[in-house]
N, C-alpha and C. Protein backbone atom coordinates (compact mmCIF):
# COMPACT_ATOMS: atom_id res chain seq x y z
N MET A 1 -55.78 -15.24 116.03
CA MET A 1 -54.58 -15.58 116.32
C MET A 1 -54.59 -16.43 117.64
N GLU A 2 -53.40 -17.04 117.33
CA GLU A 2 -53.25 -18.52 118.85
C GLU A 2 -52.14 -18.19 119.51
N GLY A 3 -52.49 -18.84 120.94
CA GLY A 3 -51.37 -18.88 121.73
C GLY A 3 -51.72 -20.07 122.70
N ARG A 4 -50.38 -20.64 123.29
CA ARG A 4 -50.40 -22.09 124.00
C ARG A 4 -49.30 -20.98 125.43
N GLU A 5 -49.86 -21.29 126.29
CA GLU A 5 -48.39 -21.60 127.24
C GLU A 5 -48.94 -22.69 128.15
N SER A 6 -48.27 -23.12 128.72
CA SER A 6 -48.16 -24.54 130.03
C SER A 6 -49.51 -24.83 129.93
N ASN A 7 -50.37 -25.85 129.69
CA ASN A 7 -51.84 -25.90 130.17
C ASN A 7 -52.76 -25.26 129.44
N ARG A 8 -52.83 -24.28 128.81
CA ARG A 8 -53.55 -23.23 128.04
C ARG A 8 -53.23 -22.91 126.72
N LEU A 9 -55.02 -22.60 125.90
CA LEU A 9 -54.65 -22.69 124.59
C LEU A 9 -55.86 -21.40 124.72
N GLU A 10 -55.26 -20.48 123.78
CA GLU A 10 -56.66 -19.59 123.03
C GLU A 10 -56.62 -19.16 122.48
N SER A 11 -57.43 -19.75 121.22
CA SER A 11 -57.63 -19.45 119.94
C SER A 11 -58.62 -17.93 119.55
N VAL A 12 -58.61 -17.34 118.75
CA VAL A 12 -59.05 -16.35 118.42
C VAL A 12 -59.48 -16.29 116.32
N ARG A 13 -60.81 -16.21 115.91
CA ARG A 13 -60.93 -16.24 114.59
C ARG A 13 -62.01 -14.83 114.68
N ILE A 14 -61.58 -14.03 113.27
CA ILE A 14 -62.18 -13.06 112.81
C ILE A 14 -62.71 -13.02 111.21
N ASP A 15 -63.88 -12.74 111.05
CA ASP A 15 -63.65 -12.69 109.36
C ASP A 15 -65.03 -11.72 109.23
N SER A 16 -65.58 -11.34 108.10
CA SER A 16 -66.33 -10.72 107.84
C SER A 16 -67.56 -10.38 108.84
N ASN A 17 -67.55 -11.65 109.16
CA ASN A 17 -69.57 -11.83 109.57
C ASN A 17 -69.57 -12.61 111.28
N ARG A 18 -68.17 -12.67 111.41
CA ARG A 18 -68.17 -13.41 112.65
C ARG A 18 -66.72 -13.48 113.43
N PHE A 19 -67.24 -13.55 115.00
CA PHE A 19 -66.20 -13.86 115.89
C PHE A 19 -65.92 -14.80 116.86
N GLU A 20 -64.72 -15.89 116.62
CA GLU A 20 -65.28 -16.82 118.04
C GLU A 20 -63.91 -16.90 118.44
N SER A 21 -64.07 -16.67 119.57
CA SER A 21 -62.93 -17.10 120.89
C SER A 21 -63.03 -18.19 121.91
N VAL A 22 -62.19 -19.19 121.91
CA VAL A 22 -62.26 -19.62 122.85
C VAL A 22 -60.82 -20.37 123.72
N ARG A 23 -61.03 -20.43 124.92
CA ARG A 23 -60.11 -20.48 125.80
C ARG A 23 -60.02 -21.39 126.88
N ILE A 24 -59.19 -22.50 126.88
CA ILE A 24 -58.88 -23.43 127.47
C ILE A 24 -57.49 -23.41 128.49
N ASP A 25 -57.61 -23.81 129.42
CA ASP A 25 -56.53 -23.73 130.40
C ASP A 25 -57.05 -25.11 131.54
N SER A 26 -56.00 -25.91 132.41
CA SER A 26 -56.68 -26.25 133.56
C SER A 26 -57.52 -26.27 134.18
N ASN A 27 -58.58 -25.47 134.26
CA ASN A 27 -59.66 -25.80 134.83
C ASN A 27 -60.79 -24.79 134.60
N ARG A 28 -60.92 -24.51 133.22
CA ARG A 28 -61.39 -23.48 132.88
C ARG A 28 -61.90 -23.63 131.20
N PHE A 29 -62.88 -24.00 130.59
CA PHE A 29 -62.93 -23.52 129.39
C PHE A 29 -64.27 -22.19 129.02
N GLU A 30 -63.83 -21.81 128.31
CA GLU A 30 -64.68 -20.30 127.48
C GLU A 30 -64.93 -20.36 126.16
N SER A 31 -65.92 -19.91 125.51
CA SER A 31 -65.77 -19.83 124.06
C SER A 31 -67.14 -19.13 123.93
N THR A 32 -66.60 -18.03 123.02
CA THR A 32 -67.95 -16.83 122.90
C THR A 32 -67.91 -16.94 121.27
N ARG A 33 -69.45 -16.74 120.64
CA ARG A 33 -69.42 -16.66 119.21
C ARG A 33 -70.53 -15.46 118.54
N ILE A 34 -69.81 -14.92 117.85
CA ILE A 34 -70.81 -13.60 117.66
C ILE A 34 -70.92 -13.71 115.92
N GLY A 35 -72.19 -13.42 115.59
CA GLY A 35 -72.21 -13.47 113.94
C GLY A 35 -73.27 -12.86 113.85
N SER A 36 -73.97 -12.95 112.50
CA SER A 36 -74.98 -12.05 111.94
C SER A 36 -76.15 -12.54 112.72
N ASN A 37 -76.54 -11.36 113.63
CA ASN A 37 -78.13 -11.94 114.65
C ASN A 37 -77.77 -12.66 115.68
N ARG A 38 -76.84 -13.00 116.37
CA ARG A 38 -76.22 -14.12 117.03
C ARG A 38 -75.24 -13.86 117.87
N PHE A 39 -75.54 -14.38 119.30
CA PHE A 39 -74.33 -14.25 120.60
C PHE A 39 -74.21 -15.33 120.91
N GLU A 40 -73.59 -16.17 121.20
CA GLU A 40 -73.21 -17.35 122.22
C GLU A 40 -72.29 -17.36 123.08
N SER A 41 -72.55 -17.76 124.21
CA SER A 41 -71.36 -17.78 125.48
C SER A 41 -71.40 -19.00 126.26
N THR A 42 -69.87 -19.52 126.31
CA THR A 42 -70.24 -20.60 127.77
C THR A 42 -69.37 -20.90 128.12
N ARG A 43 -69.27 -20.85 129.26
CA ARG A 43 -67.97 -20.81 129.91
C ARG A 43 -67.97 -22.18 130.83
N ILE A 44 -67.32 -22.94 131.46
CA ILE A 44 -67.23 -23.97 132.13
C ILE A 44 -66.10 -24.25 133.55
N GLY A 45 -66.51 -23.91 134.43
CA GLY A 45 -64.97 -23.95 135.52
C GLY A 45 -65.34 -25.27 136.54
N SER A 46 -64.43 -24.83 137.26
CA SER A 46 -64.44 -25.80 138.89
C SER A 46 -66.41 -26.02 139.34
N ASN A 47 -67.04 -26.94 138.80
CA ASN A 47 -68.26 -27.05 139.61
C ASN A 47 -69.22 -25.92 138.96
N ARG A 48 -68.73 -25.51 137.97
CA ARG A 48 -70.13 -24.40 137.41
C ARG A 48 -69.75 -24.24 136.10
N LEU A 49 -71.21 -23.68 135.22
CA LEU A 49 -71.29 -24.05 134.15
C LEU A 49 -71.78 -22.80 133.64
N GLU A 50 -72.10 -22.01 132.95
CA GLU A 50 -72.87 -20.58 132.78
C GLU A 50 -73.08 -20.99 130.70
N SER A 51 -74.03 -20.37 130.37
CA SER A 51 -73.99 -20.44 129.08
C SER A 51 -75.29 -19.62 128.79
N VAL A 52 -75.22 -18.65 127.48
CA VAL A 52 -75.84 -17.47 126.82
C VAL A 52 -76.07 -17.81 125.78
N ARG A 53 -77.78 -17.66 125.12
CA ARG A 53 -77.34 -17.61 123.70
C ARG A 53 -78.41 -16.87 123.14
N ILE A 54 -78.46 -15.91 122.23
CA ILE A 54 -78.76 -14.58 122.25
C ILE A 54 -79.23 -14.48 120.53
N ASP A 55 -80.17 -14.52 120.25
CA ASP A 55 -80.56 -14.57 118.90
C ASP A 55 -81.27 -13.46 118.15
N SER A 56 -81.65 -13.41 116.97
CA SER A 56 -83.18 -12.01 116.55
C SER A 56 -84.38 -12.30 117.54
N ASN A 57 -84.60 -13.25 118.04
CA ASN A 57 -86.01 -14.05 118.13
C ASN A 57 -85.69 -14.30 119.75
N ARG A 58 -84.86 -15.00 120.27
CA ARG A 58 -84.42 -15.38 121.35
C ARG A 58 -83.41 -15.21 122.63
N PHE A 59 -83.69 -15.50 123.89
CA PHE A 59 -83.06 -15.47 124.57
C PHE A 59 -82.91 -16.50 125.55
N GLU A 60 -81.70 -17.44 125.78
CA GLU A 60 -81.80 -18.35 126.48
C GLU A 60 -80.15 -18.15 127.77
N SER A 61 -80.37 -18.79 128.91
CA SER A 61 -79.48 -18.05 129.81
C SER A 61 -79.18 -19.49 130.85
N VAL A 62 -78.44 -20.45 131.08
CA VAL A 62 -78.52 -21.56 131.80
C VAL A 62 -76.93 -21.08 133.05
N ARG A 63 -77.30 -21.77 134.18
CA ARG A 63 -76.23 -21.34 135.22
C ARG A 63 -76.29 -22.59 136.05
N ILE A 64 -75.55 -23.01 136.31
CA ILE A 64 -75.68 -24.30 136.99
C ILE A 64 -74.13 -24.30 137.82
N ASP A 65 -74.78 -24.94 139.30
CA ASP A 65 -73.31 -24.57 140.30
C ASP A 65 -73.53 -25.57 141.04
N SER A 66 -72.92 -26.22 141.98
CA SER A 66 -73.00 -27.48 142.84
C SER A 66 -74.04 -27.50 143.55
N ASN A 67 -74.79 -26.34 143.84
CA ASN A 67 -76.28 -26.18 144.74
C ASN A 67 -77.21 -25.80 143.60
N ARG A 68 -77.45 -25.03 142.54
CA ARG A 68 -78.20 -24.56 141.67
C ARG A 68 -78.32 -24.91 140.16
N PHE A 69 -79.29 -24.19 139.65
CA PHE A 69 -79.89 -24.32 138.66
C PHE A 69 -80.78 -23.72 137.94
N GLU A 70 -80.42 -22.83 137.82
CA GLU A 70 -81.02 -21.47 136.93
C GLU A 70 -80.97 -21.61 135.40
N SER A 71 -82.80 -21.52 134.85
CA SER A 71 -82.59 -21.01 133.44
C SER A 71 -83.43 -20.63 133.32
N THR A 72 -83.49 -19.74 131.75
CA THR A 72 -84.44 -18.20 131.69
C THR A 72 -84.36 -18.45 130.14
N ARG A 73 -85.43 -18.52 129.67
CA ARG A 73 -85.66 -18.89 128.23
C ARG A 73 -86.71 -17.45 127.87
N ILE A 74 -86.45 -16.60 126.76
CA ILE A 74 -87.29 -15.46 126.76
C ILE A 74 -87.39 -15.28 125.31
N GLY A 75 -88.86 -15.75 124.38
CA GLY A 75 -88.82 -15.49 123.14
C GLY A 75 -89.25 -16.57 122.43
N SER A 76 -88.84 -17.35 121.31
CA SER A 76 -89.76 -18.43 120.51
C SER A 76 -89.33 -19.40 120.61
N ASN A 77 -90.55 -20.34 121.28
CA ASN A 77 -90.83 -21.93 121.51
C ASN A 77 -90.21 -22.46 120.69
N GLN A 78 -89.69 -22.08 119.43
CA GLN A 78 -89.14 -22.74 118.05
C GLN A 78 -87.86 -23.80 118.88
N ALA A 79 -87.64 -25.07 118.16
CA ALA A 79 -86.58 -25.88 119.12
C ALA A 79 -85.50 -24.79 118.45
N GLY A 80 -84.30 -25.07 118.56
CA GLY A 80 -82.92 -24.23 118.53
C GLY A 80 -82.47 -25.37 117.83
N SER A 81 -81.46 -24.71 116.80
CA SER A 81 -80.38 -25.69 115.71
C SER A 81 -78.52 -25.80 116.91
């Protein structure tokens, strides 16, 4: 399913083991991916970035805005892909 209005794009993909959603408009980007044992979400807007990644053995969260940086990592110390 895809929709487009003036300055806006939305896309959703669903198959047997995956869900992906992307939304883009004039001042925001949002992406969500859900798959087997994995969740990823990224939101970028005016002066703000939020990102969350969860898989079977790790949780990572990053938040950045105009005057703050927050990062949380729980789980495996192995490098991500």
